[in-house]
Protein backbone atom coordinates (compact mmCIF):
# COMPACT_ATOMS: atom_id res chain seq x y z
CA MET A 1 22.21 5.66 9.80
CA VAL A 2 19.16 3.43 9.95
CA ASN A 3 18.72 1.02 12.82
CA GLY A 4 17.26 -2.33 11.78
CA LEU A 5 13.88 -3.31 13.11
CA LYS A 6 13.67 -6.24 15.47
CA VAL A 7 12.26 -9.39 13.90
CA GLU A 8 9.08 -9.10 15.95
CA ASP A 9 8.55 -5.54 14.63
CA LYS A 10 8.70 -6.54 10.97
CA LEU A 11 5.47 -6.62 8.99
CA ASP A 12 4.05 -10.12 9.08
CA GLY A 13 0.46 -9.49 8.04
CA ALA A 14 -2.77 -7.81 9.07
CA ALA A 15 -2.22 -8.58 12.76
CA ASN A 16 0.72 -6.19 13.11
CA TYR A 17 0.14 -3.88 10.14
CA THR A 18 -0.99 -0.85 12.15
CA SER A 19 1.98 -0.87 14.53
CA TRP A 20 4.37 -1.62 11.63
CA LYS A 21 3.01 1.31 9.61
CA PHE A 22 3.50 3.67 12.54
CA ARG A 23 7.07 2.46 13.09
CA ILE A 24 8.09 2.54 9.42
CA LEU A 25 6.71 6.04 8.84
CA ILE A 26 8.67 7.30 11.86
CA VAL A 27 11.88 5.63 10.60
CA LEU A 28 11.40 7.14 7.14
CA GLU A 29 10.66 10.58 8.60
CA GLU A 30 13.70 10.33 10.88
CA ASN A 31 15.85 9.75 7.80
CA ASP A 32 14.17 12.51 5.73
CA LEU A 33 12.76 9.89 3.35
CA LEU A 34 9.04 10.12 4.06
CA ASN A 35 8.38 11.83 0.73
CA TYR A 36 9.50 8.64 -1.07
CA VAL A 37 6.43 6.75 0.19
CA LYS A 38 4.06 9.73 -0.06
CA SER A 39 4.79 10.42 -3.74
CA VAL A 40 7.01 9.30 -6.58
CA VAL A 41 10.13 11.44 -6.36
CA ASP A 42 11.38 11.99 -9.89
CA GLU A 43 15.05 11.73 -10.70
CA PRO A 44 16.53 15.22 -10.97
CA SER A 45 18.24 16.37 -14.15
CA ASP A 46 21.18 17.96 -12.33
CA ASP A 47 24.09 15.49 -12.05
CA THR A 48 25.06 16.62 -8.56
CA GLU A 49 21.52 16.06 -7.28
CA LYS A 50 21.21 12.67 -9.06
CA ALA A 51 23.74 10.99 -6.77
CA GLN A 52 21.87 12.13 -3.65
CA TRP A 53 18.51 11.16 -5.18
CA ARG A 54 19.80 7.65 -6.00
CA LYS A 55 21.21 7.27 -2.48
CA ASN A 56 17.94 8.42 -0.86
CA ASN A 57 15.78 6.33 -3.18
CA LEU A 58 17.83 3.22 -2.46
CA MET A 59 17.82 3.91 1.29
CA ALA A 60 14.02 4.31 1.34
CA LYS A 61 13.59 1.00 -0.53
CA LYS A 62 16.07 -0.73 1.78
CA ILE A 63 14.25 0.50 4.88
CA LEU A 64 10.95 -0.78 3.49
CA ILE A 65 12.35 -4.16 2.41
CA ASP A 66 14.20 -4.63 5.71
CA SER A 67 10.98 -3.91 7.61
CA VAL A 68 8.95 -6.81 6.18
CA LYS A 69 9.26 -10.53 6.73
CA ASP A 70 10.67 -12.66 3.93
CA HIS A 71 7.32 -14.00 2.68
CA LEU A 72 6.28 -10.45 1.69
CA ILE A 73 9.39 -9.55 -0.29
CA PRO A 74 8.30 -11.30 -3.52
CA ILE A 75 5.08 -9.26 -3.45
CA ILE A 76 6.89 -5.90 -3.44
CA SER A 77 10.18 -6.76 -5.16
CA LYS A 78 8.78 -6.33 -8.69
CA LEU A 79 7.55 -2.79 -8.02
CA ASN A 80 9.63 0.15 -9.22
CA SER A 81 9.11 2.88 -6.67
CA THR A 82 9.11 2.95 -2.89
CA LYS A 83 5.69 4.57 -3.05
CA ASP A 84 4.31 1.65 -5.09
CA MET A 85 5.82 -0.83 -2.64
CA PHE A 86 4.25 0.96 0.33
CA LYS A 87 0.86 1.32 -1.40
CA CYS A 88 0.89 -2.39 -2.24
CA LEU A 89 1.37 -3.32 1.42
CA GLN A 90 -1.26 -0.76 2.40
CA SER A 91 -3.80 -2.23 0.00
CA LEU A 92 -3.11 -5.73 1.32
CA TYR A 93 -3.52 -4.98 5.00
CA GLU A 94 -5.39 -1.73 5.65
CA PHE A 95 -8.68 -3.16 4.45
CA ASN A 96 -8.09 -6.30 6.49
CA SER A 97 -7.58 -4.21 9.62
CA THR A 98 -10.81 -2.33 8.97
CA SER A 99 -12.82 -5.48 8.40
CA LYS A 100 -11.27 -7.09 11.48
CA ALA A 101 -12.18 -4.03 13.57
CA LEU A 102 -15.77 -4.27 12.34
CA ALA A 103 -15.90 -7.97 13.22
CA LEU A 104 -14.53 -7.32 16.71
CA ARG A 105 -17.00 -4.49 17.28
CA ARG A 106 -19.83 -6.78 16.13
CA GLN A 107 -18.69 -9.38 18.68
CA LEU A 108 -18.70 -6.76 21.41
CA LEU A 109 -22.20 -5.63 20.47
CA HIS A 110 -23.56 -9.16 20.82
CA ILE A 111 -21.55 -10.38 23.80
CA LYS A 112 -23.65 -12.08 26.46
CA MET A 113 -22.68 -13.82 29.66
CA SER A 114 -23.32 -17.55 29.29
CA ARG A 115 -25.24 -19.61 31.85
CA GLY A 116 -22.73 -20.86 34.43
CA GLU A 117 -20.02 -18.47 33.26
CA SER A 118 -18.25 -16.48 35.97
CA VAL A 119 -18.32 -12.69 35.94
CA VAL A 120 -14.51 -12.71 35.81
CA SER A 121 -14.54 -14.90 32.70
CA PHE A 122 -17.15 -12.66 31.05
CA PHE A 123 -15.10 -9.51 31.74
CA MET A 124 -11.96 -11.26 30.50
CA LYS A 125 -13.70 -11.89 27.14
CA ILE A 126 -14.62 -8.22 26.90
CA THR A 127 -11.10 -7.14 27.83
CA LYS A 128 -9.62 -9.48 25.22
CA LEU A 129 -11.84 -8.00 22.48
CA LYS A 130 -10.90 -4.46 23.61
CA ASP A 131 -7.20 -5.37 23.52
CA GLN A 132 -7.57 -6.86 20.03
CA LEU A 133 -9.20 -3.63 18.85
CA ASN A 134 -6.37 -1.59 20.35
CA ALA A 135 -3.79 -3.84 18.68
CA ILE A 136 -5.12 -2.99 15.22
CA GLY A 137 -5.31 0.71 15.95
CA ASP A 138 -8.98 0.98 16.84
CA SER A 139 -10.42 1.78 20.22
CA ILE A 140 -13.67 1.94 22.09
CA GLU A 141 -14.57 4.47 24.74
CA ASP A 142 -14.75 3.21 28.32
CA LYS A 143 -18.35 4.38 28.77
CA ASP A 144 -19.41 2.40 25.67
CA LEU A 145 -17.54 -0.65 26.93
CA VAL A 146 -19.29 -0.40 30.30
CA MET A 147 -22.69 -0.20 28.58
CA LEU A 148 -21.89 -3.26 26.44
CA ALA A 149 -20.77 -5.18 29.51
CA MET A 150 -23.91 -4.20 31.45
CA ASN A 151 -26.14 -5.21 28.54
CA GLY A 152 -24.38 -8.58 28.35
CA LEU A 153 -25.07 -9.48 31.97
CA PRO A 154 -28.13 -11.61 32.78
CA HIS A 155 -31.17 -9.79 34.19
CA SER A 156 -30.79 -11.57 37.52
C-alpha cells in the first residue's frame, strides 16, 4: 500500500523538484512501479496479465498525481502514460534547477565582502548560497568554498 506524501513534500515547482524527484522514484521503486516512469509499459495481450497491468498502471499514475500540488495537475492530466506525465514535470523543472545552480555558482564566484560588513554577515551569505545549492541537488566542495570566501575578503 502506498503512503501519501506530506503536503510539504509534494512537488510545488523548481524549488523542491530535486527532493521531490528523489522521493517519488523511491516510492515507485518500493511499489515495483518504477518501470512505468522509465518507459511506456504496453498493455499485455493475455487477459490474466491485463488486470494486473491496469492495476499497476493506475497505481503509478495515482502516486504521481498524489505527489504534486493541485496547480500542476492540469498540466499532466491530459497526458496518457505515467512516463509522459513524469517527463513533462522533468522538462518543466530540471532545466530550471540547472539554470538556478549556475546562477548561484555565479553569485559565489563574485561574492565580495562589502565595506562595513561584518565577517559573520559575509560568511552567512556564503553559507546561504551553499545551502541553496544543496537544496537543488548541487554541491560545492569545502576547499572551493574556502577559496571563494578568502578571495571575497578585503586585502586588509
